[in-house]
Amino acid sequence: MAEKSEVARLRSLAQLDADAVGAYDAALARIPEPLVRERLAEFRADHVRHVRELNGFIHHFGGVPLDLKPDLKGAAMKGLTAMSSLMGTEAALVAMLGNEEYSNRSYDVALRFDWSPDVRLLIERHREDERRHILWIREAVRTRPWEKERAPLHEGSEVQA
């Protein structure tokens, strides 16, 4: 059986991912662009999977698995994301960027602990998902791909310099 502190750390990571699901729900409810929605839905699914996989270890180690519900911090994260999303896709992505920065830092901290090899491997895989999320969101904020998606594709519609 794992130490109680190990179960507590796994529950903390699972809660982080459950909170992220709520933030993604808030952003997805307000972002109309298909490209952005599709990618954010993929990232949301990653967080749901993280909770499920972490819960497997929590249960295995004798702990109580988490429900997929945000805690107080997660409710605040979801509310901030919802409010930011009212200002448009870029604002929603900036809010999600902050959320993913927090997730990335939390997974970095988690990897400083001693884990059994199978738990460490899982946390490393989740950390790679988090890295992929933040890289895409940063690039999307920088390049605004949804504007290209919205632009009319009429021949000769480009402005001549």
Protein backbone atom coordinates (compact mmCIF):
# COMPACT_ATOMS: atom_id res chain seq x y z
CA MET A 1 0.00 0.00 0.00
CA ALA A 2 1.25 3.47 -0.84
CA GLU A 3 1.86 6.09 1.78
CA LYS A 4 -1.02 8.45 2.52
CA SER A 5 1.11 11.33 1.27
CA GLU A 6 1.49 9.62 -2.12
CA VAL A 7 -2.28 9.18 -2.39
CA ALA A 8 -2.76 12.81 -1.34
CA ARG A 9 -0.35 13.98 -4.06
CA LEU A 10 -2.14 11.84 -6.66
CA ARG A 11 -5.49 13.24 -5.53
CA SER A 12 -4.07 16.76 -5.82
CA LEU A 13 -3.03 16.11 -9.42
CA ALA A 14 -6.40 14.54 -10.20
CA GLN A 15 -8.13 17.60 -8.74
CA LEU A 16 -5.95 19.87 -10.87
CA ASP A 17 -7.11 17.99 -13.96
CA ALA A 18 -10.75 18.00 -12.83
CA ASP A 19 -10.49 21.78 -12.38
CA ALA A 20 -9.02 22.08 -15.87
CA VAL A 21 -12.02 20.23 -17.32
CA GLY A 22 -14.31 22.89 -15.87
CA ALA A 23 -12.20 25.68 -17.37
CA TYR A 24 -12.26 23.98 -20.77
CA ASP A 25 -16.03 23.63 -20.50
CA ALA A 26 -16.31 27.39 -19.88
CA ALA A 27 -14.10 28.24 -22.86
CA LEU A 28 -15.81 25.76 -25.19
CA ALA A 29 -19.21 27.20 -24.33
CA ARG A 30 -18.18 30.57 -25.76
CA ILE A 31 -15.67 29.94 -28.56
CA PRO A 32 -17.35 29.66 -31.97
CA GLU A 33 -14.32 28.86 -34.17
CA PRO A 34 -14.26 25.17 -35.19
CA LEU A 35 -10.45 24.91 -35.30
CA VAL A 36 -10.05 26.24 -31.76
CA ARG A 37 -13.04 24.30 -30.42
CA GLU A 38 -11.70 21.05 -31.88
CA ARG A 39 -8.28 21.47 -30.31
CA LEU A 40 -9.65 22.58 -26.92
CA ALA A 41 -12.05 19.62 -26.92
CA GLU A 42 -9.05 17.31 -27.45
CA PHE A 43 -7.23 18.94 -24.53
CA ARG A 44 -10.34 18.66 -22.35
CA ALA A 45 -10.48 14.94 -23.17
CA ASP A 46 -6.83 14.62 -22.11
CA HIS A 47 -7.69 16.12 -18.71
CA VAL A 48 -10.66 13.75 -18.29
CA ARG A 49 -8.35 10.85 -19.11
CA HIS A 50 -5.78 12.14 -16.61
CA VAL A 51 -8.39 12.09 -13.83
CA ARG A 52 -9.47 8.57 -14.79
CA GLU A 53 -5.90 7.25 -14.93
CA LEU A 54 -4.85 8.95 -11.68
CA ASN A 55 -8.00 7.61 -10.03
CA GLY A 56 -6.90 4.12 -11.03
CA PHE A 57 -3.73 4.51 -8.98
CA ILE A 58 -5.54 6.27 -6.14
CA HIS A 59 -7.95 3.34 -5.90
CA HIS A 60 -5.11 0.80 -6.24
CA PHE A 61 -3.30 2.46 -3.32
CA GLY A 62 -6.40 2.39 -1.12
CA GLY A 63 -7.47 5.99 -1.56
CA VAL A 64 -10.82 7.42 -2.53
CA PRO A 65 -10.95 8.37 -6.24
CA LEU A 66 -11.99 11.89 -7.17
CA ASP A 67 -15.22 12.91 -8.84
CA LEU A 68 -14.88 14.96 -11.99
CA LYS A 69 -15.98 18.14 -10.19
CA PRO A 70 -14.06 21.35 -9.64
CA ASP A 71 -13.19 22.38 -6.10
CA LEU A 72 -13.22 26.01 -4.94
CA LYS A 73 -10.03 26.80 -6.88
CA GLY A 74 -11.47 25.08 -9.93
CA ALA A 75 -14.72 27.02 -9.66
CA ALA A 76 -12.72 30.25 -9.59
CA MET A 77 -10.68 29.09 -12.60
CA LYS A 78 -13.87 28.21 -14.48
CA GLY A 79 -15.48 31.54 -13.60
CA LEU A 80 -12.45 33.55 -14.72
CA THR A 81 -12.28 31.60 -17.96
CA ALA A 82 -16.00 32.14 -18.56
CA MET A 83 -15.70 35.88 -17.96
CA SER A 84 -12.62 36.19 -20.16
CA SER A 85 -14.30 34.17 -22.89
CA LEU A 86 -17.02 36.81 -23.15
CA MET A 87 -14.35 39.06 -24.65
CA GLY A 88 -13.68 36.70 -27.53
CA THR A 89 -11.53 33.79 -28.60
CA GLU A 90 -8.19 35.42 -27.92
CA ALA A 91 -9.20 36.38 -24.38
CA ALA A 92 -10.49 32.86 -23.78
CA LEU A 93 -7.20 31.41 -24.98
CA VAL A 94 -5.20 33.79 -22.80
CA ALA A 95 -7.23 32.60 -19.81
CA MET A 96 -6.63 28.99 -20.82
CA LEU A 97 -2.94 29.77 -21.22
CA GLY A 98 -2.82 30.84 -17.57
CA ASN A 99 -4.65 27.68 -16.55
CA GLU A 100 -2.25 25.49 -18.54
CA GLU A 101 0.78 27.31 -17.13
CA TYR A 102 -0.48 26.36 -13.67
CA SER A 103 -1.01 22.75 -14.76
CA ASN A 104 2.47 22.59 -16.29
CA ARG A 105 4.10 23.94 -13.12
CA SER A 106 2.11 21.52 -10.97
CA TYR A 107 3.20 18.53 -13.03
CA ASP A 108 6.81 19.78 -12.92
CA VAL A 109 6.59 19.87 -9.12
CA ALA A 110 4.97 16.43 -9.01
CA LEU A 111 7.91 14.97 -10.92
CA ARG A 112 10.26 16.07 -8.11
CA PHE A 113 8.75 13.46 -5.78
CA ASP A 114 9.80 9.83 -5.53
CA TRP A 115 7.18 7.68 -7.25
CA SER A 116 6.99 4.04 -8.13
CA PRO A 117 8.12 3.52 -11.74
CA ASP A 118 4.58 3.00 -13.11
CA VAL A 119 3.22 6.11 -11.39
CA ARG A 120 6.22 8.18 -12.54
CA LEU A 121 5.67 7.02 -16.12
CA LEU A 122 2.01 8.07 -15.95
CA ILE A 123 2.87 11.50 -14.54
CA GLU A 124 5.54 11.98 -17.21
CA ARG A 125 2.98 11.15 -19.93
CA HIS A 126 0.51 13.60 -18.42
CA ARG A 127 3.26 16.22 -18.25
CA GLU A 128 3.89 15.76 -21.98
CA ASP A 129 0.18 16.30 -22.64
CA GLU A 130 0.35 19.51 -20.62
CA ARG A 131 3.39 20.65 -22.58
CA ARG A 132 1.55 19.99 -25.86
CA HIS A 133 -1.48 21.95 -24.63
CA ILE A 134 0.49 25.02 -23.62
CA LEU A 135 2.58 25.04 -26.80
CA TRP A 136 -0.51 24.97 -29.00
CA ILE A 137 -2.33 27.64 -27.00
CA ARG A 138 0.72 29.94 -27.00
CA GLU A 139 1.08 29.53 -30.76
CA ALA A 140 -2.64 30.12 -31.31
CA VAL A 141 -2.55 33.35 -29.27
CA ARG A 142 0.49 34.44 -31.30
CA THR A 143 -0.80 33.55 -34.77
CA ARG A 144 -4.60 33.81 -34.32
CA PRO A 145 -5.41 30.92 -36.73
CA TRP A 146 -9.14 31.45 -36.32
CA GLU A 147 -8.82 34.72 -38.27
CA LYS A 148 -7.52 32.81 -41.28
CA GLU A 149 -10.42 30.40 -40.83
CA ARG A 150 -12.90 33.32 -40.93
CA ALA A 151 -11.28 35.20 -43.84
CA PRO A 152 -13.24 34.99 -47.10
CA LEU A 153 -11.44 33.05 -49.76
CA HIS A 154 -12.20 35.22 -52.77
CA GLU A 155 -9.64 35.36 -55.52
CA GLY A 156 -8.21 38.86 -55.80
CA SER A 157 -9.50 39.83 -52.34
CA GLU A 158 -6.01 40.50 -51.03
CA VAL A 159 -5.10 44.13 -50.58
CA GLN A 160 -2.29 45.21 -52.87
CA ALA A 161 0.57 47.09 -51.23
